[in-house]
Amino acid sequence: MYRFEQTFMNFLLQHQERHKRTYHFLILMDALISSAKHIQHYYLTGALKGNLDSAEDVNVQGEDVMRMDRIAQEVTLYYLKSSGRVIHAISEESDEIIPIHPEGGRYFVYFDPLDGSSNIPHGLPVGFLFGIAKRNLDGPEDGHLRAGKDYIAAGMFVIPTGTFTLGLKEAGAWRFHIDETMTFVRPTRIWLPEDMKNWELSFNASNRHTYAERVQKWILENESRYAFRYLGALAGDFHRVLSNGGMFMYPAIVNHPNPKKNRPEGKLRLMYEAAVVAFICREAGGAAVNEEGIPILDIQPTKHHQRTALYVGSKRLVDDITKVLKEKG
């Protein structure tokens, strides 16, 4: 007997019809799916085509740019423009906000076209992260930056493993897998596991002595209860947390021996990294906060490349460390 899988687009079409919504969102999502497929193709063939080395440049974040970063950026912008549905986009790889269709667009897209660039030379998993907000359809649109709570969807592709996780506002987190025809199929509802036996902690252990003392103390008291995993790419590490439960942490760096390397505001970007995984996590039953214990989704951005610390994962763990983060002194 043949087994026929439900495709992502069929799933989304049914979702839009069930909620009596337009098809504009499908057109935008088709552009993002097309971007992910092409990025995956370039990544899989990167070693043969010489696309896995450095572009010998730095981006707006002061980070080394890889050829794949450039390719992923160009691919994504091409498909976003061709969709005709995007007002403007914000990308990790662009200094300025990118105007696309200021008059006729309906959505704002915030994206990191290739998360985890340090993994590229080794062919290890990387990510493509995006968040989507809708324009104001009831009056003039001022184009202001949106907080994560105002996103209507957020997604994460893990490349080249071919997995895609999508959070839909008040409609859950769903995972899809790419098949041999390069089609995303088999929607599976994702919930963070309640059973603690497989929970994991994920953080950069080499930075542990640079964290605030109360965070160091919490790690020391709790790390032995959980497995430790760290891939060095937010999408890959968060993918594991979604599957197994636990918490991914990227605390603020405040005690570095070289004060110039301190990052008291955190390192991850709020709009296209932290808010994306926080949105997905909320839809999967979890939570996410910053260094002050403030929910990530409640933070109103004031800059499009704003940074933040991040604690995201199973609600019980996030709630526990939130109490520590809110301690005075």
Protein backbone atom coordinates (compact mmCIF):
# COMPACT_ATOMS: atom_id res chain seq x y z
CA MET A 1 0.00 0.00 0.00
CA TYR A 2 1.11 3.52 -0.77
CA ARG A 3 1.40 6.01 2.07
CA PHE A 4 0.51 9.57 1.16
CA GLU A 5 1.72 12.33 3.46
CA GLN A 6 -0.05 15.63 4.00
CA THR A 7 2.07 18.44 2.61
CA PHE A 8 2.86 21.65 4.42
CA MET A 9 0.94 23.78 1.92
CA ASN A 10 -2.13 21.54 2.20
CA PHE A 11 -1.93 21.78 5.97
CA LEU A 12 -1.65 25.57 5.82
CA LEU A 13 -4.46 25.89 3.27
CA GLN A 14 -6.78 23.97 5.57
CA HIS A 15 -5.67 26.13 8.49
CA GLN A 16 -6.48 29.36 6.61
CA GLU A 17 -9.86 28.09 5.46
CA ARG A 18 -10.76 26.77 8.92
CA HIS A 19 -10.11 30.22 10.40
CA LYS A 20 -11.70 32.05 7.44
CA ARG A 21 -8.46 33.83 6.55
CA THR A 22 -7.08 35.02 3.23
CA TYR A 23 -4.50 33.24 1.11
CA HIS A 24 -1.97 36.07 1.32
CA PHE A 25 -0.21 34.23 4.14
CA LEU A 26 0.11 31.10 1.99
CA ILE A 27 1.86 33.10 -0.72
CA LEU A 28 4.32 34.49 1.81
CA MET A 29 4.96 31.06 3.32
CA ASP A 30 5.52 29.60 -0.15
CA ALA A 31 8.28 32.21 -0.60
CA LEU A 32 9.91 31.22 2.69
CA ILE A 33 9.64 27.50 1.93
CA SER A 34 11.22 28.11 -1.48
CA SER A 35 14.03 30.05 0.19
CA ALA A 36 14.72 27.23 2.66
CA LYS A 37 14.81 24.58 -0.08
CA HIS A 38 17.32 26.57 -2.13
CA ILE A 39 19.49 27.32 0.90
CA GLN A 40 19.47 23.61 1.76
CA HIS A 41 20.51 22.77 -1.81
CA TYR A 42 23.41 25.24 -1.78
CA TYR A 43 24.51 23.97 1.63
CA LEU A 44 24.42 20.30 0.60
CA THR A 45 26.47 21.06 -2.52
CA GLY A 46 28.62 23.69 -0.81
CA ALA A 47 31.74 21.62 -0.32
CA LEU A 48 31.82 20.64 -4.00
CA LYS A 49 31.12 24.16 -5.25
CA GLY A 50 33.40 25.98 -2.81
CA ASN A 51 30.60 27.74 -0.95
CA LEU A 52 31.55 26.74 2.60
CA ASP A 53 34.47 29.13 3.11
CA SER A 54 34.74 32.74 4.21
CA ALA A 55 33.54 35.67 2.10
CA GLU A 56 36.41 37.65 3.68
CA ASP A 57 34.07 40.28 5.05
CA VAL A 58 32.27 41.14 8.29
CA ASN A 59 28.58 41.92 8.72
CA VAL A 60 26.84 44.68 10.66
CA GLN A 61 27.21 42.57 13.81
CA GLY A 62 31.01 42.58 13.44
CA GLU A 63 31.00 38.86 12.67
CA ASP A 64 32.86 37.08 9.88
CA VAL A 65 30.66 36.52 6.83
CA MET A 66 30.67 33.15 5.08
CA ARG A 67 29.82 32.66 1.42
CA MET A 68 26.74 30.74 2.52
CA ASP A 69 25.58 33.75 4.55
CA ARG A 70 25.60 35.82 1.37
CA ILE A 71 23.87 33.12 -0.66
CA ALA A 72 21.15 32.63 1.96
CA GLN A 73 20.54 36.38 2.16
CA GLU A 74 20.22 36.80 -1.60
CA VAL A 75 17.98 33.76 -2.00
CA THR A 76 15.61 34.85 0.77
CA LEU A 77 15.31 38.44 -0.45
CA TYR A 78 14.62 37.24 -4.00
CA TYR A 79 11.66 35.12 -2.90
CA LEU A 80 10.34 37.70 -0.43
CA LYS A 81 10.33 40.30 -3.19
CA SER A 82 8.70 37.94 -5.67
CA SER A 83 5.86 37.20 -3.22
CA GLY A 84 4.64 40.79 -3.41
CA ARG A 85 3.39 40.48 0.18
CA VAL A 86 6.20 42.01 2.27
CA ILE A 87 6.33 45.67 3.35
CA HIS A 88 9.85 45.52 4.68
CA ALA A 89 12.28 42.96 6.02
CA ILE A 90 14.93 42.96 8.72
CA SER A 91 17.87 40.61 8.32
CA GLU A 92 20.94 39.86 10.39
CA GLU A 93 22.99 40.40 7.25
CA SER A 94 21.69 43.92 6.45
CA ASP A 95 22.64 47.07 8.29
CA GLU A 96 19.41 48.88 7.42
CA ILE A 97 15.75 47.90 7.29
CA ILE A 98 15.09 46.56 3.78
CA PRO A 99 12.08 48.14 2.01
CA ILE A 100 10.36 45.68 -0.32
CA HIS A 101 6.74 46.67 -1.08
CA PRO A 102 6.02 49.61 1.27
CA GLU A 103 2.65 50.41 -0.32
CA GLY A 104 1.22 47.04 -1.33
CA GLY A 105 2.69 44.67 1.23
CA ARG A 106 0.80 43.10 4.12
CA TYR A 107 3.56 41.63 6.30
CA PHE A 108 6.82 42.41 8.06
CA VAL A 109 9.42 39.63 7.99
CA TYR A 110 12.33 39.45 10.42
CA PHE A 111 14.88 36.77 9.56
CA ASP A 112 18.31 35.28 10.13
CA PRO A 113 19.08 33.56 6.82
CA LEU A 114 21.83 31.35 8.24
CA ASP A 115 22.07 30.95 11.99
CA GLY A 116 25.22 29.24 13.33
CA SER A 117 27.73 30.32 10.68
CA SER A 118 30.66 28.90 12.66
CA ASN A 119 29.29 25.43 11.82
CA ILE A 120 29.43 26.03 8.06
CA PRO A 121 33.06 25.02 7.37
CA HIS A 122 32.41 21.70 9.12
CA GLY A 123 29.13 20.87 7.36
CA LEU A 124 27.29 20.83 10.70
CA PRO A 125 23.65 21.88 11.11
CA VAL A 126 22.72 25.53 10.72
CA GLY A 127 19.38 27.30 10.82
CA PHE A 128 17.09 29.68 8.98
CA LEU A 129 14.91 31.62 11.43
CA PHE A 130 12.03 33.98 10.69
CA GLY A 131 9.23 35.87 12.40
CA ILE A 132 6.20 37.41 10.69
CA ALA A 133 4.01 40.31 11.78
CA LYS A 134 0.97 41.67 10.00
CA ARG A 135 0.49 45.28 8.94
CA ASN A 136 -2.27 47.38 10.50
CA LEU A 137 -5.28 46.67 8.28
CA ASP A 138 -7.59 49.03 10.21
CA GLY A 139 -5.72 52.28 9.63
CA PRO A 140 -2.44 53.88 8.57
CA GLU A 141 0.64 51.70 8.95
CA ASP A 142 3.59 53.39 10.65
CA GLY A 143 6.01 50.49 10.07
CA HIS A 144 7.10 50.40 13.69
CA LEU A 145 9.07 47.45 15.06
CA ARG A 146 6.88 44.68 16.46
CA ALA A 147 7.27 42.83 19.76
CA GLY A 148 7.23 39.05 19.59
CA LYS A 149 3.72 38.92 21.07
CA ASP A 150 2.54 40.69 17.91
CA TYR A 151 3.98 38.07 15.53
CA ILE A 152 1.41 35.93 13.76
CA ALA A 153 3.91 33.17 13.01
CA ALA A 154 7.53 32.20 13.51
CA GLY A 155 9.52 29.40 11.99
CA MET A 156 12.82 27.56 12.09
CA PHE A 157 14.44 25.38 9.44
CA VAL A 158 17.30 23.14 10.55
CA ILE A 159 19.60 22.72 7.55
CA PRO A 160 20.62 20.28 6.11
CA THR A 161 18.56 17.89 8.27
CA GLY A 162 15.38 18.91 6.46
CA THR A 163 13.22 19.69 9.47
CA PHE A 164 10.94 22.71 9.73
CA THR A 165 9.13 23.87 12.88
CA LEU A 166 6.40 26.49 12.61
CA GLY A 167 4.58 28.31 15.38
CA LEU A 168 1.15 29.70 14.47
CA LYS A 169 -0.37 32.26 16.83
CA GLU A 170 -2.77 30.51 19.20
CA ALA A 171 -2.72 27.44 16.91
CA GLY A 172 0.28 25.48 18.14
CA ALA A 173 3.78 24.51 17.10
CA TRP A 174 4.10 22.06 14.22
CA ARG A 175 7.03 20.13 12.81
CA PHE A 176 7.48 19.02 9.20
CA HIS A 177 10.09 16.86 7.46
CA ILE A 178 11.42 17.20 3.93
CA ASP A 179 10.89 14.15 1.72
CA GLU A 180 12.77 12.84 -1.32
CA THR A 181 10.88 15.26 -3.57
CA MET A 182 12.00 18.26 -1.46
CA THR A 183 8.46 18.70 -0.13
CA PHE A 184 7.79 19.42 3.54
CA VAL A 185 5.30 16.84 4.79
CA ARG A 186 3.76 15.12 7.82
CA PRO A 187 2.58 17.89 10.19
CA THR A 188 3.17 16.84 13.79
CA ARG A 189 2.00 18.89 16.75
CA ILE A 190 4.90 19.66 19.10
CA TRP A 191 4.59 19.87 22.86
CA LEU A 192 7.53 20.20 25.23
CA PRO A 193 7.75 16.91 27.19
CA GLU A 194 6.59 17.04 30.80
CA ASP A 195 8.66 14.00 31.74
CA MET A 196 12.03 15.27 33.01
CA LYS A 197 14.02 12.09 32.27
CA ASN A 198 15.27 13.38 28.89
CA TRP A 199 15.50 17.09 29.71
CA GLU A 200 18.68 18.84 28.61
CA LEU A 201 20.55 22.01 29.44
CA SER A 202 22.20 23.77 26.52
CA PHE A 203 24.65 26.64 26.92
CA ASN A 204 28.20 27.60 26.01
CA ALA A 205 30.12 26.00 28.86
CA SER A 206 33.28 27.93 27.99
CA ASN A 207 31.47 31.13 29.03
CA ARG A 208 30.06 29.86 32.31
CA HIS A 209 32.47 31.87 34.51
CA THR A 210 31.57 35.08 32.68
CA TYR A 211 27.90 34.90 33.67
CA ALA A 212 26.37 36.77 36.59
CA GLU A 213 27.19 35.05 39.87
CA ARG A 214 23.55 34.14 40.56
CA VAL A 215 23.35 32.43 37.15
CA GLN A 216 26.62 30.56 37.79
CA LYS A 217 25.22 29.41 41.14
CA TRP A 218 21.98 28.19 39.52
CA ILE A 219 23.95 26.20 36.93
CA LEU A 220 26.17 24.64 39.59
CA GLU A 221 23.14 23.57 41.62
CA ASN A 222 21.09 22.22 38.71
CA GLU A 223 23.32 20.95 35.89
CA SER A 224 23.85 17.48 37.33
CA ARG A 225 20.11 16.77 37.03
CA TYR A 226 20.08 17.04 33.27
CA ALA A 227 22.01 15.94 30.20
CA PHE A 228 24.24 18.60 28.66
CA ARG A 229 24.18 19.29 24.91
CA TYR A 230 25.50 22.28 22.97
CA LEU A 231 25.78 22.48 19.19
CA GLY A 232 26.65 26.16 18.80
CA ALA A 233 23.70 26.99 16.52
CA LEU A 234 20.52 28.32 18.12
CA ALA A 235 18.23 26.47 15.68
CA GLY A 236 19.91 23.10 16.31
CA ASP A 237 20.11 23.51 20.07
CA PHE A 238 16.53 24.72 20.36
CA HIS A 239 15.37 21.88 18.08
CA ARG A 240 16.75 19.40 20.64
CA VAL A 241 15.08 21.24 23.54
CA LEU A 242 11.73 21.14 21.75
CA SER A 243 12.10 17.39 21.28
CA ASN A 244 13.53 16.42 24.67
CA GLY A 245 12.56 19.24 27.01
CA GLY A 246 14.89 21.33 29.14
CA MET A 247 16.32 24.78 28.52
CA PHE A 248 18.62 26.62 26.16
CA MET A 249 20.47 29.52 27.77
CA TYR A 250 22.52 32.37 26.38
CA PRO A 251 23.02 34.53 29.49
CA ALA A 252 24.49 38.01 29.52
CA ILE A 253 28.28 38.12 29.78
CA VAL A 254 29.23 40.41 32.66
CA ASN A 255 32.38 38.92 34.23
CA HIS A 256 34.72 38.46 31.31
CA PRO A 257 38.46 38.89 32.12
CA ASN A 258 38.57 41.33 29.21
CA PRO A 259 35.89 43.95 30.02
CA LYS A 260 35.61 44.81 26.31
CA LYS A 261 34.12 41.36 25.73
CA ASN A 262 31.33 41.80 28.26
CA ARG A 263 27.82 41.83 26.79
CA PRO A 264 25.53 42.95 29.62
CA GLU A 265 22.62 43.31 27.17
CA GLY A 266 23.16 39.77 25.84
CA LYS A 267 24.40 38.59 22.45
CA LEU A 268 21.44 37.13 20.55
CA ARG A 269 19.33 39.40 18.39
CA LEU A 270 15.85 39.99 19.74
CA MET A 271 13.68 40.25 16.63
CA TYR A 272 14.94 37.45 14.40
CA GLU A 273 16.49 35.03 16.89
CA ALA A 274 15.19 35.26 20.47
CA ALA A 275 11.60 36.30 19.67
CA VAL A 276 11.36 33.61 16.98
CA VAL A 277 12.24 30.71 19.28
CA ALA A 278 10.27 32.28 22.15
CA PHE A 279 7.16 32.42 19.94
CA ILE A 280 7.55 28.78 18.87
CA CYS A 281 8.26 27.76 22.45
CA ARG A 282 5.12 29.45 23.77
CA GLU A 283 3.03 27.58 21.20
CA ALA A 284 4.68 24.34 22.36
CA GLY A 285 3.81 25.03 26.02
CA GLY A 286 7.10 26.60 27.10
CA ALA A 287 8.41 30.03 28.03
CA ALA A 288 11.30 32.42 27.41
CA VAL A 289 12.76 35.33 29.38
CA ASN A 290 15.70 37.74 29.23
CA GLU A 291 18.37 38.49 31.85
CA GLU A 292 15.89 40.44 33.99
CA GLY A 293 13.30 37.66 33.88
CA ILE A 294 11.09 39.65 31.51
CA PRO A 295 9.20 37.53 28.94
CA ILE A 296 10.99 37.82 25.60
CA LEU A 297 7.68 38.21 23.76
CA ASP A 298 6.77 41.29 25.83
CA ILE A 299 9.91 43.26 24.95
CA GLN A 300 9.19 46.16 22.61
CA PRO A 301 12.18 46.60 20.27
CA THR A 302 13.70 50.06 19.99
CA LYS A 303 16.38 49.02 17.46
CA HIS A 304 16.07 46.49 14.66
CA HIS A 305 19.34 44.76 15.62
CA GLN A 306 18.61 44.92 19.36
CA ARG A 307 20.34 42.25 21.43
CA THR A 308 19.13 40.25 24.40
CA ALA A 309 20.03 37.44 26.74
CA LEU A 310 17.82 34.36 26.38
CA TYR A 311 16.51 31.55 28.58
CA VAL A 312 14.02 29.41 26.63
CA GLY A 313 12.47 25.99 27.08
CA SER A 314 10.32 23.98 29.46
CA LYS A 315 8.19 26.32 31.54
CA ARG A 316 9.11 24.75 34.87
CA LEU A 317 12.82 25.34 34.28
CA VAL A 318 12.36 28.83 32.86
CA ASP A 319 10.11 29.79 35.79
CA ASP A 320 12.75 28.46 38.20
CA ILE A 321 15.60 30.50 36.76
CA THR A 322 13.32 33.54 36.40
CA LYS A 323 13.09 33.70 40.21
CA VAL A 324 16.90 33.81 40.36
CA LEU A 325 17.15 36.42 37.61
CA LYS A 326 14.75 38.72 39.45
CA GLU A 327 16.77 38.60 42.68
CA LYS A 328 18.22 41.95 43.68
CA GLY A 329 21.97 42.47 43.76
